[in-house]
Amino acid sequence: MKTKHGYPLFIIAIASMSLLGCASSDTNTDTTTGTTLESEIKEDTSGSKKAMDPDTDMTAEDTTDTNVSASNQIGREMNIVALVQQNPNLSTFLELIKAANMIVTLESPAPYTVFAPTNQAFAALPAGTVEAFKQPGNELELRRLIQSHILPNRITSADIRDNMPMKTAQGEEVIARRKGQTFTVGGATVLTADVNASNGVVHIIDKVLVPPKE
C-alpha cells in the first residue's frame, strides 16, 4: 500500500521504528539469486571523444543526445566499490553499502550489474528514511534494499530489451523498458549507463528501487 505521496508504507514504518528501537535481525549471508541471461559484451573501439556529464561526474559520449555510453572508459580497472567511491554524487549509496556490510561482496571478482541511485534519488525518500536504514537492527531491510539494485550478472545497455524482466540479488524481478537509446529499470530512468568496472558494470539511476514489502 502506498501513501498519498507514492512511497511504500514500509519505508515510512522503518523511519518511525528507528526512533522506537527495532529488534535486531542478524544476517551473515548475501543472497545472489541469478538469471540465465547470456550477455555479449560489445566494446566500442572507435576512440571517439568523451565529454563529462555535469549531473553525474561520469564520462559520456559527446556524439549522442543521451548519457548511454557503451564505450565509457572510466572505472575500467576499478572494482564497483572504488568506482562508486570516486563519484561524489553516489556518496549516499556508498554509505548504505558500507552500513549493509556489502563492501566485500561488491569488491569480489564475480560480475555484477549495479543500478546506483544518485544522492538526489535518496533525498526524494521520506525524511529520515536513509538515517533509519543505517540504525542498528535495520541491517536486514538495508541489505534487501541494496540487493534490489544488484543483478548477479553483467548486463550492459546493449543487452537491454523493452519489457525485459531481470531478477535481482534480492530475489525479485524488475522490468527494464527501452525506447531507442533511453531505458528505465523498475520505473527509474538510467541517467548514465555502462560505467565499466573490473567486476561488472554500473548504471546510474534517478530513483531508489524499493523492494516490495514481505
C-alpha atoms as a PDB file:
ATOM      1  CA  MET A   1       0.000   0.000   0.000  1.00  0.00           C
ATOM      2  CA  LYS A   2       1.308   3.474  -0.773  1.00  0.00           C
ATOM      3  CA  THR A   3       0.799   6.832   0.882  1.00  0.00           C
ATOM      4  CA  LYS A   4      -0.620   9.760  -0.999  1.00  0.00           C
ATOM      5  CA  HIS A   5       2.968  10.708  -1.882  1.00  0.00           C
ATOM      6  CA  GLY A   6       3.552   7.383  -3.576  1.00  0.00           C
ATOM      7  CA  TYR A   7       6.007   5.898  -1.089  1.00  0.00           C
ATOM      8  CA  PRO A   8       5.529   2.375   0.223  1.00  0.00           C
ATOM      9  CA  LEU A   9       4.285   2.289   3.829  1.00  0.00           C
ATOM     10  CA  PHE A  10       7.167   0.086   4.960  1.00  0.00           C
ATOM     11  CA  ILE A  11       9.674   2.861   4.134  1.00  0.00           C
ATOM     12  CA  ILE A  12       7.794   5.261   6.431  1.00  0.00           C
ATOM     13  CA  ALA A  13       7.438   2.497   9.008  1.00  0.00           C
ATOM     14  CA  ILE A  14      11.206   1.947   9.067  1.00  0.00           C
ATOM     15  CA  ALA A  15      11.785   5.661   9.659  1.00  0.00           C
ATOM     16  CA  SER A  16       9.379   5.548  12.599  1.00  0.00           C
ATOM     17  CA  MET A  17      10.695   2.265  14.031  1.00  0.00           C
ATOM     18  CA  SER A  18      14.226   3.672  14.209  1.00  0.00           C
ATOM     19  CA  LEU A  19      13.013   6.125  16.850  1.00  0.00           C
ATOM     20  CA  LEU A  20      11.405   3.408  18.963  1.00  0.00           C
ATOM     21  CA  GLY A  21      14.188   0.829  18.555  1.00  0.00           C
ATOM     22  CA  CYS A  22      13.854  -2.180  16.302  1.00  0.00           C
ATOM     23  CA  ALA A  23      14.539  -5.791  17.147  1.00  0.00           C
ATOM     24  CA  SER A  24      17.854  -6.909  15.752  1.00  0.00           C
ATOM     25  CA  SER A  25      17.860  -9.018  12.635  1.00  0.00           C
ATOM     26  CA  ASP A  26      21.199 -10.704  12.049  1.00  0.00           C
ATOM     27  CA  THR A  27      22.285 -11.886   8.672  1.00  0.00           C
ATOM     28  CA  ASN A  28      25.659 -13.151   7.632  1.00  0.00           C
ATOM     29  CA  THR A  29      24.772 -14.256   4.159  1.00  0.00           C
ATOM     30  CA  ASP A  30      24.349 -12.402   0.913  1.00  0.00           C
ATOM     31  CA  THR A  31      21.624 -13.503  -1.476  1.00  0.00           C
ATOM     32  CA  THR A  32      22.818 -13.943  -5.039  1.00  0.00           C
ATOM     33  CA  THR A  33      19.986 -15.465  -6.963  1.00  0.00           C
ATOM     34  CA  GLY A  34      20.601 -15.127 -10.667  1.00  0.00           C
ATOM     35  CA  THR A  35      19.267 -15.331 -14.143  1.00  0.00           C
ATOM     36  CA  THR A  36      20.446 -17.417 -17.067  1.00  0.00           C
ATOM     37  CA  LEU A  37      20.527 -14.478 -19.438  1.00  0.00           C
ATOM     38  CA  GLU A  38      23.695 -14.623 -21.530  1.00  0.00           C
ATOM     39  CA  SER A  39      25.232 -11.275 -22.449  1.00  0.00           C
ATOM     40  CA  GLU A  40      27.523 -10.444 -25.313  1.00  0.00           C
ATOM     41  CA  ILE A  41      29.631  -7.526 -24.182  1.00  0.00           C
ATOM     42  CA  LYS A  42      30.227  -5.199 -27.066  1.00  0.00           C
ATOM     43  CA  GLU A  43      33.176  -2.847 -26.904  1.00  0.00           C
ATOM     44  CA  ASP A  44      33.407   0.379 -28.930  1.00  0.00           C
ATOM     45  CA  THR A  45      36.979   0.814 -30.106  1.00  0.00           C
ATOM     46  CA  SER A  46      36.341   3.816 -32.311  1.00  0.00           C
ATOM     47  CA  GLY A  47      38.230   6.089 -29.918  1.00  0.00           C
ATOM     48  CA  SER A  48      35.619   8.824 -30.157  1.00  0.00           C
ATOM     49  CA  LYS A  49      35.973  11.772 -27.806  1.00  0.00           C
ATOM     50  CA  LYS A  50      34.134  11.806 -24.477  1.00  0.00           C
ATOM     51  CA  ALA A  51      32.552  14.672 -22.534  1.00  0.00           C
ATOM     52  CA  MET A  52      31.960  14.962 -18.810  1.00  0.00           C
ATOM     53  CA  ASP A  53      28.355  14.682 -17.657  1.00  0.00           C
ATOM     54  CA  PRO A  54      27.892  17.594 -15.181  1.00  0.00           C
ATOM     55  CA  ASP A  55      24.997  15.840 -13.405  1.00  0.00           C
ATOM     56  CA  THR A  56      26.810  12.612 -12.595  1.00  0.00           C
ATOM     57  CA  ASP A  57      30.551  13.401 -12.905  1.00  0.00           C
ATOM     58  CA  MET A  58      30.753  10.459 -15.285  1.00  0.00           C
ATOM     59  CA  THR A  59      32.134  10.353 -18.806  1.00  0.00           C
ATOM     60  CA  ALA A  60      29.564  10.121 -21.577  1.00  0.00           C
ATOM     61  CA  GLU A  61      29.636  10.049 -25.364  1.00  0.00           C
ATOM     62  CA  ASP A  62      29.641  13.549 -26.825  1.00  0.00           C
ATOM     63  CA  THR A  63      28.120  12.311 -30.094  1.00  0.00           C
ATOM     64  CA  THR A  64      24.657  11.430 -28.774  1.00  0.00           C
ATOM     65  CA  ASP A  65      21.830  13.231 -27.017  1.00  0.00           C
ATOM     66  CA  THR A  66      21.711  10.684 -24.170  1.00  0.00           C
ATOM     67  CA  ASN A  67      24.062   9.548 -21.418  1.00  0.00           C
ATOM     68  CA  VAL A  68      24.183   5.934 -22.614  1.00  0.00           C
ATOM     69  CA  SER A  69      27.778   5.112 -23.451  1.00  0.00           C
ATOM     70  CA  ALA A  70      28.877   1.530 -24.075  1.00  0.00           C
ATOM     71  CA  SER A  71      32.472   2.701 -24.582  1.00  0.00           C
ATOM     72  CA  ASN A  72      32.774   4.596 -21.298  1.00  0.00           C
ATOM     73  CA  GLN A  73      36.360   4.109 -20.112  1.00  0.00           C
ATOM     74  CA  ILE A  74      36.007   5.351 -16.534  1.00  0.00           C
ATOM     75  CA  GLY A  75      36.364   2.663 -13.913  1.00  0.00           C
ATOM     76  CA  ARG A  76      37.632   0.052 -16.382  1.00  0.00           C
ATOM     77  CA  GLU A  77      40.341  -1.010 -13.902  1.00  0.00           C
ATOM     78  CA  MET A  78      38.438  -0.251 -10.667  1.00  0.00           C
ATOM     79  CA  ASN A  79      36.036  -2.531  -8.865  1.00  0.00           C
ATOM     80  CA  ILE A  80      32.444  -1.408  -8.286  1.00  0.00           C
ATOM     81  CA  VAL A  81      33.043  -0.047  -4.783  1.00  0.00           C
ATOM     82  CA  ALA A  82      36.052   2.011  -5.892  1.00  0.00           C
ATOM     83  CA  LEU A  83      34.113   3.326  -8.862  1.00  0.00           C
ATOM     84  CA  VAL A  84      31.164   4.398  -6.692  1.00  0.00           C
ATOM     85  CA  GLN A  85      33.536   5.937  -4.167  1.00  0.00           C
ATOM     86  CA  GLN A  86      35.136   8.241  -6.714  1.00  0.00           C
ATOM     87  CA  ASN A  87      31.778   9.765  -7.735  1.00  0.00           C
ATOM     88  CA  PRO A  88      30.582  12.320  -5.127  1.00  0.00           C
ATOM     89  CA  ASN A  89      27.019  12.133  -6.461  1.00  0.00           C
ATOM     90  CA  LEU A  90      26.846   8.489  -5.281  1.00  0.00           C
ATOM     91  CA  SER A  91      28.066   9.128  -1.723  1.00  0.00           C
ATOM     92  CA  THR A  92      24.750   8.206  -0.069  1.00  0.00           C
ATOM     93  CA  PHE A  93      24.656   4.892  -1.937  1.00  0.00           C
ATOM     94  CA  LEU A  94      28.231   4.221  -0.795  1.00  0.00           C
ATOM     95  CA  GLU A  95      27.315   4.949   2.845  1.00  0.00           C
ATOM     96  CA  LEU A  96      24.456   2.449   2.667  1.00  0.00           C
ATOM     97  CA  ILE A  97      26.659  -0.209   1.041  1.00  0.00           C
ATOM     98  CA  LYS A  98      29.047   0.169   3.976  1.00  0.00           C
ATOM     99  CA  ALA A  99      26.238   0.121   6.554  1.00  0.00           C
ATOM    100  CA  ALA A 100      24.878  -3.070   4.973  1.00  0.00           C
ATOM    101  CA  ASN A 101      28.325  -4.723   5.215  1.00  0.00           C
ATOM    102  CA  MET A 102      28.334  -5.385   1.475  1.00  0.00           C
ATOM    103  CA  ILE A 103      31.728  -3.872   0.623  1.00  0.00           C
ATOM    104  CA  VAL A 104      33.423  -7.279   0.357  1.00  0.00           C
ATOM    105  CA  THR A 105      30.629  -8.601  -1.852  1.00  0.00           C
ATOM    106  CA  LEU A 106      30.859  -5.740  -4.332  1.00  0.00           C
ATOM    107  CA  GLU A 107      34.662  -5.914  -4.369  1.00  0.00           C
ATOM    108  CA  SER A 108      34.627  -9.623  -5.255  1.00  0.00           C
ATOM    109  CA  PRO A 109      35.559 -10.702  -8.796  1.00  0.00           C
ATOM    110  CA  ALA A 110      32.106 -12.129  -9.588  1.00  0.00           C
ATOM    111  CA  PRO A 111      30.446  -9.996 -12.307  1.00  0.00           C
ATOM    112  CA  TYR A 112      27.612  -7.751 -11.111  1.00  0.00           C
ATOM    113  CA  THR A 113      25.315  -5.147 -12.559  1.00  0.00           C
ATOM    114  CA  VAL A 114      24.595  -2.303 -10.140  1.00  0.00           C
ATOM    115  CA  PHE A 115      21.879   0.298 -10.559  1.00  0.00           C
ATOM    116  CA  ALA A 116      23.232   3.137  -8.413  1.00  0.00           C
ATOM    117  CA  PRO A 117      20.775   5.833  -7.283  1.00  0.00           C
ATOM    118  CA  THR A 118      22.084   9.381  -7.071  1.00  0.00           C
ATOM    119  CA  ASN A 119      22.131  11.398  -3.871  1.00  0.00           C
ATOM    120  CA  GLN A 120      19.102  13.281  -5.186  1.00  0.00           C
ATOM    121  CA  ALA A 121      17.223   9.997  -5.562  1.00  0.00           C
ATOM    122  CA  PHE A 122      17.775   9.154  -1.891  1.00  0.00           C
ATOM    123  CA  ALA A 123      16.902  12.716  -0.870  1.00  0.00           C
ATOM    124  CA  ALA A 124      13.489  12.234  -2.510  1.00  0.00           C
ATOM    125  CA  LEU A 125      12.584   9.493   0.003  1.00  0.00           C
ATOM    126  CA  PRO A 126      10.544  10.479   3.077  1.00  0.00           C
ATOM    127  CA  ALA A 127      12.536  12.492   5.617  1.00  0.00           C
ATOM    128  CA  GLY A 128      14.598  10.313   7.934  1.00  0.00           C
ATOM    129  CA  THR A 129      14.447   7.193   5.756  1.00  0.00           C
ATOM    130  CA  VAL A 130      18.162   6.990   4.938  1.00  0.00           C
ATOM    131  CA  GLU A 131      19.194   7.537   8.550  1.00  0.00           C
ATOM    132  CA  ALA A 132      16.637   4.941   9.683  1.00  0.00           C
ATOM    133  CA  PHE A 133      18.152   2.341   7.348  1.00  0.00           C
ATOM    134  CA  LYS A 134      21.557   2.889   8.967  1.00  0.00           C
ATOM    135  CA  GLN A 135      20.293   2.346  12.525  1.00  0.00           C
ATOM    136  CA  PRO A 136      21.310  -0.852  14.383  1.00  0.00           C
ATOM    137  CA  GLY A 137      18.682  -3.535  13.919  1.00  0.00           C
ATOM    138  CA  ASN A 138      17.731  -2.448  10.397  1.00  0.00           C
ATOM    139  CA  GLU A 139      20.559  -4.221   8.577  1.00  0.00           C
ATOM    140  CA  LEU A 140      18.278  -6.907   7.120  1.00  0.00           C
ATOM    141  CA  GLU A 141      15.996  -4.344   5.464  1.00  0.00           C
ATOM    142  CA  LEU A 142      19.001  -2.325   4.325  1.00  0.00           C
ATOM    143  CA  ARG A 143      20.593  -5.367   2.691  1.00  0.00           C
ATOM    144  CA  ARG A 144      17.305  -6.097   0.916  1.00  0.00           C
ATOM    145  CA  LEU A 145      17.306  -2.516  -0.360  1.00  0.00           C
ATOM    146  CA  ILE A 146      20.878  -2.705  -1.675  1.00  0.00           C
ATOM    147  CA  GLN A 147      20.296  -6.151  -3.207  1.00  0.00           C
ATOM    148  CA  SER A 148      17.303  -4.717  -5.081  1.00  0.00           C
ATOM    149  CA  HIS A 149      19.823  -2.611  -7.019  1.00  0.00           C
ATOM    150  CA  ILE A 150      22.124  -5.519  -7.937  1.00  0.00           C
ATOM    151  CA  LEU A 151      21.928  -8.166 -10.658  1.00  0.00           C
ATOM    152  CA  PRO A 152      24.228 -11.181 -10.141  1.00  0.00           C
ATOM    153  CA  ASN A 153      25.487 -10.968 -13.709  1.00  0.00           C
ATOM    154  CA  ARG A 154      26.715  -8.326 -16.155  1.00  0.00           C
ATOM    155  CA  ILE A 155      24.042  -6.573 -18.218  1.00  0.00           C
ATOM    156  CA  THR A 156      25.011  -3.651 -20.442  1.00  0.00           C
ATOM    157  CA  SER A 157      22.702  -1.240 -22.259  1.00  0.00           C
ATOM    158  CA  ALA A 158      23.241  -3.258 -25.439  1.00  0.00           C
ATOM    159  CA  ASP A 159      21.630  -6.260 -23.717  1.00  0.00           C
ATOM    160  CA  ILE A 160      18.512  -4.385 -22.587  1.00  0.00           C
ATOM    161  CA  ARG A 161      15.291  -5.099 -24.457  1.00  0.00           C
ATOM    162  CA  ASP A 162      11.935  -3.441 -23.979  1.00  0.00           C
ATOM    163  CA  ASN A 163       9.750  -5.066 -21.305  1.00  0.00           C
ATOM    164  CA  MET A 164      12.654  -7.258 -20.181  1.00  0.00           C
ATOM    165  CA  PRO A 165      12.388  -8.929 -16.732  1.00  0.00           C
ATOM    166  CA  MET A 166      15.566  -9.159 -14.662  1.00  0.00           C
ATOM    167  CA  LYS A 167      15.969 -10.971 -11.332  1.00  0.00           C
ATOM    168  CA  THR A 168      17.832  -9.022  -8.669  1.00  0.00           C
ATOM    169  CA  ALA A 169      20.111 -10.368  -5.951  1.00  0.00           C
ATOM    170  CA  GLN A 170      17.228  -9.709  -3.567  1.00  0.00           C
ATOM    171  CA  GLY A 171      15.181 -12.313  -5.455  1.00  0.00           C
ATOM    172  CA  GLU A 172      12.527 -10.072  -7.005  1.00  0.00           C
ATOM    173  CA  GLU A 173      12.086  -9.189 -10.655  1.00  0.00           C
ATOM    174  CA  VAL A 174      12.457  -5.692 -12.037  1.00  0.00           C
ATOM    175  CA  ILE A 175      11.292  -4.775 -15.509  1.00  0.00           C
ATOM    176  CA  ALA A 176      13.506  -2.879 -17.920  1.00  0.00           C
ATOM    177  CA  ARG A 177      11.850  -0.798 -20.610  1.00  0.00           C
ATOM    178  CA  ARG A 178      13.595   0.691 -23.572  1.00  0.00           C
ATOM    179  CA  LYS A 179      12.814   3.366 -26.128  1.00  0.00           C
ATOM    180  CA  GLY A 180      15.669   3.981 -28.516  1.00  0.00           C
ATOM    181  CA  GLN A 181      18.809   4.760 -26.517  1.00  0.00           C
ATOM    182  CA  THR A 182      16.860   5.570 -23.341  1.00  0.00           C
ATOM    183  CA  PHE A 183      15.892   2.887 -20.861  1.00  0.00           C
ATOM    184  CA  THR A 184      14.354   2.552 -17.433  1.00  0.00           C
ATOM    185  CA  VAL A 185      14.517  -0.148 -14.802  1.00  0.00           C
ATOM    186  CA  GLY A 186      11.841  -0.578 -12.160  1.00  0.00           C
ATOM    187  CA  GLY A 187      10.485   2.853 -13.072  1.00  0.00           C
ATOM    188  CA  ALA A 188      13.866   4.578 -12.601  1.00  0.00           C
ATOM    189  CA  THR A 189      15.442   6.332 -15.555  1.00  0.00           C
ATOM    190  CA  VAL A 190      19.042   5.451 -16.339  1.00  0.00           C
ATOM    191  CA  LEU A 191      20.993   8.719 -16.339  1.00  0.00           C
ATOM    192  CA  THR A 192      24.374   7.237 -17.234  1.00  0.00           C
ATOM    193  CA  ALA A 193      24.777   3.682 -18.491  1.00  0.00           C
ATOM    194  CA  ASP A 194      27.648   1.249 -18.924  1.00  0.00           C
ATOM    195  CA  VAL A 195      30.186   2.610 -16.452  1.00  0.00           C
ATOM    196  CA  ASN A 196      32.563  -0.327 -16.568  1.00  0.00           C
ATOM    197  CA  ALA A 197      34.270  -1.770 -13.512  1.00  0.00           C
ATOM    198  CA  SER A 198      36.720  -4.647 -13.190  1.00  0.00           C
ATOM    199  CA  ASN A 199      33.970  -6.846 -11.699  1.00  0.00           C
ATOM    200  CA  GLY A 200      30.888  -5.651 -13.552  1.00  0.00           C
ATOM    201  CA  VAL A 201      29.067  -2.556 -14.714  1.00  0.00           C
ATOM    202  CA  VAL A 202      27.256   0.357 -13.059  1.00  0.00           C
ATOM    203  CA  HIS A 203      24.203   2.200 -14.374  1.00  0.00           C
ATOM    204  CA  ILE A 204      23.383   5.455 -12.565  1.00  0.00           C
ATOM    205  CA  ILE A 205      19.646   5.942 -11.969  1.00  0.00           C
ATOM    206  CA  ASP A 206      17.397   8.761 -10.752  1.00  0.00           C
ATOM    207  CA  LYS A 207      15.181   6.790  -8.361  1.00  0.00           C
ATOM    208  CA  VAL A 208      15.625   4.344  -5.482  1.00  0.00           C
ATOM    209  CA  LEU A 209      14.363   0.831  -6.273  1.00  0.00           C
ATOM    210  CA  VAL A 210      12.372  -0.026  -3.164  1.00  0.00           C
ATOM    211  CA  PRO A 211      11.867  -3.795  -2.667  1.00  0.00           C
ATOM    212  CA  PRO A 212       8.295  -4.990  -2.109  1.00  0.00           C
ATOM    213  CA  LYS A 213       7.183  -5.464   1.486  1.00  0.00           C
ATOM    214  CA  GLU A 214       7.444  -9.061   2.617  1.00  0.00           C
END
